[in-house]
């Protein structure tokens, strides 16, 4: 094996490790999102909070907002994970 081949293999291995690390981070974020309670949005320096951490029962509205946002986050993140997994397979 010559040096160019080794450099090429090293580059691809590095890219593969980076992809795997991204995928694992995203899976961790999904896991956290599934356990979350309350969502904060930073909008023009102000914060919109869907519920307070000390609230025992969410209003129907807050529960619907949170579930919709979390589900959207999970769907988009899972799609990105699939794309990254395909990129890794193509590597």
N, C-alpha and C. Protein backbone atom coordinates (compact mmCIF):
# COMPACT_ATOMS: atom_id res chain seq x y z
N UNK A 1 0.84 -1.18 0.00
CA UNK A 1 0.00 0.00 0.00
C UNK A 1 0.89 1.24 0.00
N UNK A 2 0.52 2.20 -0.83
CA UNK A 2 1.33 3.42 -0.87
C UNK A 2 0.74 4.48 0.07
N UNK A 3 1.45 5.58 0.23
CA UNK A 3 1.06 6.64 1.15
C UNK A 3 -0.27 7.29 0.77
N UNK A 4 -0.50 7.44 -0.53
CA UNK A 4 -1.76 8.07 -0.98
C UNK A 4 -2.96 7.21 -0.59
N UNK A 5 -2.82 5.91 -0.71
CA UNK A 5 -3.90 5.01 -0.34
C UNK A 5 -4.16 5.10 1.16
N UNK A 6 -3.09 5.13 1.94
CA UNK A 6 -3.23 5.24 3.40
C UNK A 6 -3.88 6.57 3.79
N UNK A 7 -3.47 7.65 3.14
CA UNK A 7 -4.07 8.97 3.42
C UNK A 7 -5.56 8.97 3.08
N UNK A 8 -5.90 8.36 1.97
CA UNK A 8 -7.29 8.27 1.54
C UNK A 8 -8.12 7.48 2.56
N UNK A 9 -7.58 6.34 3.00
CA UNK A 9 -8.27 5.52 3.99
C UNK A 9 -8.41 6.27 5.31
N UNK A 10 -7.37 6.98 5.69
CA UNK A 10 -7.41 7.76 6.93
C UNK A 10 -8.48 8.85 6.86
N UNK A 11 -8.58 9.52 5.72
CA UNK A 11 -9.58 10.57 5.54
C UNK A 11 -10.99 9.99 5.64
N UNK A 12 -11.21 8.87 5.00
CA UNK A 12 -12.54 8.25 5.03
C UNK A 12 -12.88 7.75 6.43
N UNK A 13 -11.90 7.21 7.13
CA UNK A 13 -12.13 6.75 8.51
C UNK A 13 -12.49 7.94 9.40
N UNK A 14 -11.81 9.05 9.21
CA UNK A 14 -12.10 10.26 9.99
C UNK A 14 -13.52 10.75 9.70
N UNK A 15 -13.90 10.77 8.43
CA UNK A 15 -15.25 11.19 8.05
C UNK A 15 -16.29 10.24 8.65
N UNK A 16 -15.99 8.96 8.63
CA UNK A 16 -16.89 7.97 9.20
C UNK A 16 -17.08 8.16 10.69
N UNK A 17 -15.99 8.41 11.42
CA UNK A 17 -16.08 8.66 12.86
C UNK A 17 -16.91 9.90 13.15
N UNK A 18 -16.71 10.95 12.35
CA UNK A 18 -17.48 12.18 12.55
C UNK A 18 -18.97 11.94 12.32
N UNK A 19 -19.31 11.17 11.31
CA UNK A 19 -20.71 10.85 11.05
C UNK A 19 -21.31 10.05 12.19
N UNK A 20 -20.58 9.05 12.67
CA UNK A 20 -21.07 8.23 13.78
C UNK A 20 -21.29 9.09 15.02
N UNK A 21 -20.36 10.00 15.31
CA UNK A 21 -20.50 10.88 16.46
C UNK A 21 -21.74 11.78 16.33
N UNK A 22 -21.98 12.31 15.13
CA UNK A 22 -23.17 13.14 14.89
C UNK A 22 -24.44 12.34 15.11
N UNK A 23 -24.46 11.13 14.57
CA UNK A 23 -25.62 10.26 14.70
C UNK A 23 -25.90 9.98 16.18
N UNK A 24 -24.86 9.67 16.94
CA UNK A 24 -25.03 9.36 18.36
C UNK A 24 -25.52 10.58 19.14
N UNK A 25 -25.00 11.77 18.82
CA UNK A 25 -25.48 13.00 19.47
C UNK A 25 -26.95 13.22 19.19
N UNK A 26 -27.35 13.01 17.95
CA UNK A 26 -28.75 13.21 17.57
C UNK A 26 -29.66 12.21 18.26
N UNK A 27 -29.23 10.97 18.36
CA UNK A 27 -30.02 9.97 19.07
C UNK A 27 -30.16 10.35 20.54
N UNK A 28 -29.11 10.89 21.11
CA UNK A 28 -29.16 11.36 22.50
C UNK A 28 -30.14 12.51 22.67
N UNK A 29 -30.19 13.40 21.70
CA UNK A 29 -31.13 14.52 21.75
C UNK A 29 -32.56 14.04 21.66
N UNK A 30 -32.79 13.03 20.83
CA UNK A 30 -34.14 12.46 20.75
C UNK A 30 -34.54 11.86 22.10
N UNK A 31 -33.61 11.15 22.71
CA UNK A 31 -33.89 10.55 24.01
C UNK A 31 -34.22 11.62 25.05
N UNK A 32 -33.48 12.71 25.05
CA UNK A 32 -33.76 13.82 25.96
C UNK A 32 -35.10 14.46 25.66
N UNK A 33 -35.40 14.64 24.40
CA UNK A 33 -36.66 15.27 24.01
C UNK A 33 -37.85 14.45 24.49
N UNK A 34 -37.73 13.14 24.43
CA UNK A 34 -38.83 12.27 24.87
C UNK A 34 -39.08 12.39 26.37
N UNK A 35 -38.05 12.77 27.12
CA UNK A 35 -38.17 12.89 28.58
C UNK A 35 -38.46 14.32 29.01
N UNK A 36 -38.49 15.25 28.08
CA UNK A 36 -38.57 16.66 28.45
C UNK A 36 -39.93 17.03 29.02
N UNK A 37 -39.89 18.08 29.77
CA UNK A 37 -41.13 18.65 30.32
C UNK A 37 -40.98 20.16 30.21
N UNK A 38 -41.75 20.72 29.35
CA UNK A 38 -41.68 22.16 29.13
C UNK A 38 -40.68 22.50 28.04
N UNK A 39 -41.03 23.50 27.27
CA UNK A 39 -40.17 23.94 26.18
C UNK A 39 -40.04 25.45 26.26
N UNK A 40 -38.81 25.93 26.15
CA UNK A 40 -38.55 27.36 26.12
C UNK A 40 -38.12 27.77 24.73
N UNK A 41 -38.71 28.84 24.22
CA UNK A 41 -38.32 29.39 22.93
C UNK A 41 -37.77 30.78 23.16
N UNK A 42 -36.62 31.05 22.59
CA UNK A 42 -36.03 32.38 22.68
C UNK A 42 -36.45 33.14 21.43
N UNK A 43 -37.28 34.16 21.61
CA UNK A 43 -37.80 34.92 20.50
C UNK A 43 -37.42 36.38 20.69
N UNK A 44 -36.51 36.85 19.85
CA UNK A 44 -36.08 38.26 19.93
C UNK A 44 -35.69 38.67 21.34
N UNK A 45 -34.96 37.82 22.02
CA UNK A 45 -34.48 38.13 23.36
C UNK A 45 -35.48 37.85 24.46
N UNK A 46 -36.71 37.53 24.12
CA UNK A 46 -37.73 37.16 25.11
C UNK A 46 -37.92 35.66 25.10
N UNK A 47 -38.44 35.14 26.18
CA UNK A 47 -38.63 33.70 26.28
C UNK A 47 -40.11 33.36 26.32
N UNK A 48 -40.49 32.40 25.51
CA UNK A 48 -41.84 31.84 25.56
C UNK A 48 -41.70 30.46 26.17
N UNK A 49 -42.39 30.22 27.25
CA UNK A 49 -42.31 28.93 27.94
C UNK A 49 -43.68 28.26 27.84
N UNK A 50 -43.69 27.00 27.39
CA UNK A 50 -44.97 26.31 27.22
C UNK A 50 -45.58 25.91 28.55
N UNK A 51 -44.76 25.64 29.54
CA UNK A 51 -45.27 25.33 30.88
C UNK A 51 -44.18 25.60 31.88
N UNK A 52 -44.55 25.66 33.12
CA UNK A 52 -43.57 25.87 34.19
C UNK A 52 -43.20 24.52 34.78
N UNK A 53 -41.96 24.40 35.19
CA UNK A 53 -41.49 23.11 35.71
C UNK A 53 -42.22 22.71 36.99
N UNK A 54 -42.79 23.67 37.71
CA UNK A 54 -43.47 23.31 38.95
C UNK A 54 -44.97 23.05 38.75
N UNK A 55 -45.45 23.18 37.53
CA UNK A 55 -46.86 22.87 37.26
C UNK A 55 -47.06 21.36 37.30
N UNK A 56 -48.07 20.95 38.03
CA UNK A 56 -48.32 19.51 38.14
C UNK A 56 -49.14 19.00 36.96
N UNK A 57 -49.98 19.84 36.44
CA UNK A 57 -50.83 19.40 35.33
C UNK A 57 -50.79 20.45 34.23
N UNK A 58 -50.51 20.01 33.04
CA UNK A 58 -50.48 20.91 31.90
C UNK A 58 -51.88 21.22 31.43
N UNK A 59 -52.05 22.41 30.94
CA UNK A 59 -53.33 22.70 30.30
C UNK A 59 -53.38 21.90 29.00
N UNK A 60 -54.56 21.69 28.50
CA UNK A 60 -54.70 20.94 27.24
C UNK A 60 -53.92 21.64 26.13
N UNK A 61 -54.01 22.97 26.11
CA UNK A 61 -53.29 23.75 25.10
C UNK A 61 -51.78 23.54 25.20
N UNK A 62 -51.23 23.69 26.41
CA UNK A 62 -49.78 23.55 26.60
C UNK A 62 -49.33 22.13 26.26
N UNK A 63 -50.12 21.15 26.65
CA UNK A 63 -49.77 19.76 26.35
C UNK A 63 -49.74 19.52 24.84
N UNK A 64 -50.72 20.09 24.14
CA UNK A 64 -50.78 19.93 22.68
C UNK A 64 -49.59 20.63 22.01
N UNK A 65 -49.27 21.83 22.47
CA UNK A 65 -48.12 22.56 21.91
C UNK A 65 -46.84 21.78 22.12
N UNK A 66 -46.62 21.33 23.34
CA UNK A 66 -45.39 20.58 23.65
C UNK A 66 -45.29 19.30 22.84
N UNK A 67 -46.37 18.54 22.79
CA UNK A 67 -46.35 17.27 22.05
C UNK A 67 -46.07 17.52 20.57
N UNK A 68 -46.68 18.54 20.01
CA UNK A 68 -46.47 18.86 18.59
C UNK A 68 -45.02 19.25 18.32
N UNK A 69 -44.47 20.09 19.19
CA UNK A 69 -43.09 20.54 18.99
C UNK A 69 -42.11 19.38 19.16
N UNK A 70 -42.33 18.58 20.17
CA UNK A 70 -41.42 17.45 20.40
C UNK A 70 -41.51 16.45 19.25
N UNK A 71 -42.72 16.16 18.80
CA UNK A 71 -42.88 15.22 17.68
C UNK A 71 -42.24 15.75 16.41
N UNK A 72 -42.38 17.05 16.15
CA UNK A 72 -41.75 17.65 14.97
C UNK A 72 -40.23 17.54 15.08
N UNK A 73 -39.69 17.84 16.26
CA UNK A 73 -38.25 17.73 16.48
C UNK A 73 -37.77 16.30 16.24
N UNK A 74 -38.50 15.34 16.79
CA UNK A 74 -38.11 13.93 16.64
C UNK A 74 -38.18 13.51 15.17
N UNK A 75 -39.24 13.89 14.47
CA UNK A 75 -39.38 13.52 13.05
C UNK A 75 -38.24 14.08 12.20
N UNK A 76 -37.93 15.35 12.40
CA UNK A 76 -36.87 15.98 11.61
C UNK A 76 -35.52 15.37 11.96
N UNK A 77 -35.29 15.13 13.24
CA UNK A 77 -34.01 14.56 13.68
C UNK A 77 -33.85 13.13 13.17
N UNK A 78 -34.91 12.34 13.21
CA UNK A 78 -34.83 10.97 12.68
C UNK A 78 -34.55 10.96 11.18
N UNK A 79 -35.14 11.90 10.46
CA UNK A 79 -34.88 12.00 9.02
C UNK A 79 -33.40 12.35 8.78
N UNK A 80 -32.86 13.24 9.59
CA UNK A 80 -31.44 13.61 9.45
C UNK A 80 -30.55 12.43 9.82
N UNK A 81 -30.92 11.66 10.82
CA UNK A 81 -30.14 10.47 11.19
C UNK A 81 -30.13 9.49 10.02
N UNK A 82 -31.26 9.27 9.40
CA UNK A 82 -31.31 8.36 8.24
C UNK A 82 -30.42 8.86 7.11
N UNK A 83 -30.44 10.18 6.89
CA UNK A 83 -29.59 10.74 5.84
C UNK A 83 -28.11 10.53 6.17
N UNK A 84 -27.75 10.77 7.41
CA UNK A 84 -26.36 10.58 7.83
C UNK A 84 -25.95 9.11 7.76
N UNK A 85 -26.87 8.21 8.13
CA UNK A 85 -26.57 6.78 8.04
C UNK A 85 -26.35 6.36 6.60
N UNK A 86 -27.12 6.94 5.68
CA UNK A 86 -26.92 6.63 4.27
C UNK A 86 -25.59 7.18 3.79
N UNK A 87 -25.25 8.39 4.24
CA UNK A 87 -23.96 8.98 3.88
C UNK A 87 -22.82 8.11 4.40
N UNK A 88 -22.98 7.57 5.61
CA UNK A 88 -21.98 6.68 6.18
C UNK A 88 -21.87 5.39 5.36
N UNK A 89 -23.01 4.84 4.97
CA UNK A 89 -23.01 3.61 4.16
C UNK A 89 -22.34 3.85 2.81
N UNK A 90 -22.57 5.03 2.24
CA UNK A 90 -21.97 5.35 0.94
C UNK A 90 -20.46 5.60 1.03
N UNK A 91 -20.03 5.93 2.23
CA UNK A 91 -18.61 6.23 2.45
C UNK A 91 -17.80 4.96 2.26
